[in-house]
Amino acid sequence: MQDRFTSREVITLTGITARQLQWWDERGVVRPDREGHRRLYSMNQLTEIALICQLRNKGFSLQGVRKVVRFLDREFGRGLAQIVEGDSEIHLLTDGRDLYLETSAKQIVDILKNSSQPILGICLSDAVRQIRAGVIAAKASTSVTSRDYVKRVRKAS
């Protein structure tokens, strides 16, 4: 799997706008590596961007997203993508005020039973797996039909 992604690839894979990606870099939401003027994103950063996009689409403000990222960093000392690697099942729950990160169905049921207001639940593990599968599928489809490949085939024939 590809180790680093350009801004253009991140935009294509996540649907984020170029300006939004630049703004997130300027604000320190996700900080890419740099090669000259090019921004290069790791697979973990790409995963975090895609998860942040999903959280934003579910109604989280950028401030709320930052709260989630800080919470995960404080509780686990790792980024969002590293926490949900492997076969783990991790669910993010929120009632709009408090955040809960749960790994067992029993914990989730306890929170739901004791809550006095609606709770939004997101399975972070599933989201990461979907994102990574999308990256693999996109890479596979573009590697055979890329413009360079098509040009080489045309020149050869």
Protein backbone atom coordinates (compact mmCIF):
# COMPACT_ATOMS: atom_id res chain seq x y z
CA MET A 1 0.00 0.00 0.00
CA GLN A 2 1.17 3.51 -0.74
CA ASP A 3 3.02 5.20 2.11
CA ARG A 4 2.44 8.86 1.24
CA PHE A 5 -0.28 10.74 -0.57
CA THR A 6 -0.22 14.15 -2.25
CA SER A 7 -2.86 16.76 -1.50
CA ARG A 8 -4.52 15.98 -4.84
CA GLU A 9 -4.77 12.28 -3.94
CA VAL A 10 -6.19 13.10 -0.48
CA ILE A 11 -8.79 15.36 -2.09
CA THR A 12 -9.78 12.65 -4.57
CA LEU A 13 -9.97 9.92 -1.92
CA THR A 14 -11.83 11.87 0.79
CA GLY A 15 -13.87 14.48 -1.07
CA ILE A 16 -12.41 17.32 1.01
CA THR A 17 -11.78 20.60 -0.79
CA ALA A 18 -8.27 21.88 -1.40
CA ARG A 19 -8.94 24.99 0.65
CA GLN A 20 -10.34 23.01 3.56
CA LEU A 21 -7.28 20.74 3.54
CA GLN A 22 -4.99 23.76 3.48
CA TRP A 23 -6.94 25.42 6.30
CA TRP A 24 -6.70 22.26 8.44
CA ASP A 25 -2.93 22.27 7.89
CA GLU A 26 -2.70 25.95 8.86
CA ARG A 27 -4.74 25.33 12.03
CA GLY A 28 -2.82 22.18 12.99
CA VAL A 29 -5.78 19.82 12.67
CA VAL A 30 -3.70 17.50 10.48
CA ARG A 31 -0.07 18.39 9.78
CA PRO A 32 1.43 16.79 6.66
CA ASP A 33 5.10 16.32 5.87
CA ARG A 34 6.55 18.69 3.32
CA GLU A 35 8.79 18.28 0.30
CA GLY A 36 9.39 21.80 -0.90
CA HIS A 37 5.91 23.26 -1.41
CA ARG A 38 4.23 19.85 -1.68
CA ARG A 39 2.23 18.48 1.22
CA LEU A 40 2.57 14.74 1.71
CA TYR A 41 0.22 12.76 3.93
CA SER A 42 0.81 9.36 5.53
CA MET A 43 -1.81 6.61 5.50
CA ASN A 44 -2.60 7.44 9.14
CA GLN A 45 -3.06 11.12 8.29
CA LEU A 46 -5.26 10.22 5.31
CA THR A 47 -7.34 8.01 7.60
CA GLU A 48 -7.66 10.79 10.15
CA ILE A 49 -8.75 13.25 7.46
CA ALA A 50 -11.38 10.84 6.18
CA LEU A 51 -12.66 10.19 9.72
CA ILE A 52 -12.77 13.91 10.44
CA CYS A 53 -14.78 14.38 7.22
CA GLN A 54 -17.21 11.71 8.41
CA LEU A 55 -17.54 13.35 11.81
CA ARG A 56 -18.14 16.72 10.13
CA ASN A 57 -20.79 15.13 7.88
CA LYS A 58 -22.52 13.77 11.00
CA GLY A 59 -22.80 17.28 12.42
CA PHE A 60 -19.64 17.65 14.51
CA SER A 61 -18.20 21.15 14.49
CA LEU A 62 -14.48 21.51 13.87
CA GLN A 63 -14.19 22.42 17.55
CA GLY A 64 -16.00 19.15 18.39
CA VAL A 65 -13.65 17.22 16.12
CA ARG A 66 -10.65 18.80 17.85
CA LYS A 67 -12.17 17.78 21.17
CA VAL A 68 -12.42 14.18 19.94
CA VAL A 69 -8.82 14.19 18.67
CA ARG A 70 -7.50 15.72 21.93
CA PHE A 71 -9.54 13.22 23.96
CA LEU A 72 -8.09 10.29 22.03
CA ASP A 73 -4.57 11.66 22.28
CA ARG A 74 -4.95 12.28 26.03
CA GLU A 75 -6.52 8.90 26.76
CA PHE A 76 -4.34 6.77 24.50
CA GLY A 77 -1.33 8.90 23.58
CA ARG A 78 -1.88 7.98 19.95
CA GLY A 79 -3.68 9.36 16.94
CA LEU A 80 -7.09 8.33 15.74
CA ALA A 81 -5.84 5.96 13.04
CA GLN A 82 -3.41 4.12 15.33
CA ILE A 83 -6.07 3.51 17.97
CA VAL A 84 -8.40 1.63 15.64
CA GLU A 85 -5.82 -0.51 13.85
CA GLY A 86 -6.19 -4.26 13.86
CA ASP A 87 -9.28 -6.23 14.74
CA SER A 88 -10.44 -3.93 17.52
CA GLU A 89 -14.00 -2.66 17.67
CA ILE A 90 -14.00 0.88 18.96
CA HIS A 91 -17.10 3.05 19.13
CA LEU A 92 -17.24 6.78 19.69
CA LEU A 93 -20.38 7.90 21.49
CA THR A 94 -21.46 11.41 22.35
CA ASP A 95 -24.50 13.09 23.79
CA GLY A 96 -23.31 16.45 22.49
CA ARG A 97 -21.59 17.27 25.76
CA ASP A 98 -19.54 14.25 26.80
CA LEU A 99 -17.46 11.86 24.72
CA TYR A 100 -17.21 8.15 25.32
CA LEU A 101 -14.84 5.75 23.61
CA GLU A 102 -15.97 2.19 24.17
CA THR A 103 -14.61 -1.20 23.17
CA SER A 104 -17.34 -3.52 24.41
CA ALA A 105 -21.04 -3.86 23.72
CA LYS A 106 -21.73 -3.98 27.48
CA GLN A 107 -20.16 -0.55 27.99
CA ILE A 108 -22.22 0.87 25.13
CA VAL A 109 -25.46 -0.57 26.53
CA ASP A 110 -24.65 0.84 29.98
CA ILE A 111 -24.12 4.32 28.55
CA LEU A 112 -27.33 4.14 26.51
CA LYS A 113 -29.36 2.95 29.51
CA ASN A 114 -28.02 5.68 31.77
CA SER A 115 -28.30 8.54 29.31
CA SER A 116 -31.05 11.08 29.66
CA GLN A 117 -30.67 12.34 26.08
CA PRO A 118 -30.06 10.91 22.60
CA ILE A 119 -26.60 9.58 21.85
CA LEU A 120 -24.78 9.52 18.53
CA GLY A 121 -22.64 6.44 18.00
CA ILE A 122 -19.96 5.93 15.36
CA CYS A 123 -17.98 2.73 14.91
CA LEU A 124 -14.50 4.13 14.31
CA SER A 125 -13.08 0.70 13.46
CA ASP A 126 -15.54 0.19 10.61
CA ALA A 127 -14.89 3.69 9.32
CA VAL A 128 -11.13 3.09 9.22
CA ARG A 129 -11.56 -0.26 7.45
CA GLN A 130 -13.87 1.35 4.85
CA ILE A 131 -11.42 4.18 4.24
CA ARG A 132 -8.46 1.85 3.83
CA ALA A 133 -10.45 -0.44 1.53
CA GLY A 134 -11.40 2.60 -0.55
CA VAL A 135 -7.74 3.61 -0.82
CA ILE A 136 -6.76 0.13 -1.96
CA ALA A 137 -9.62 0.01 -4.49
CA ALA A 138 -8.81 3.49 -5.82
CA LYS A 139 -5.14 2.63 -6.12
CA ALA A 140 -5.92 -0.61 -7.93
CA SER A 141 -8.27 1.06 -10.40
CA THR A 142 -5.89 3.92 -11.19
CA SER A 143 -2.73 1.84 -11.42
CA VAL A 144 -3.97 0.03 -14.53
CA THR A 145 -5.82 2.93 -16.13
CA SER A 146 -3.54 5.82 -15.24
CA ARG A 147 -2.80 8.39 -17.95
CA ASP A 148 0.86 7.38 -18.12
CA TYR A 149 -0.09 3.74 -18.59
CA VAL A 150 -2.60 4.60 -21.33
CA LYS A 151 0.01 6.78 -23.11
CA ARG A 152 2.58 3.97 -22.98
CA VAL A 153 0.06 1.48 -24.38
CA ARG A 154 -0.86 3.87 -27.22
CA LYS A 155 2.80 4.51 -28.10
CA ALA A 156 3.56 0.79 -28.07
CA SER A 157 0.74 -0.04 -30.50
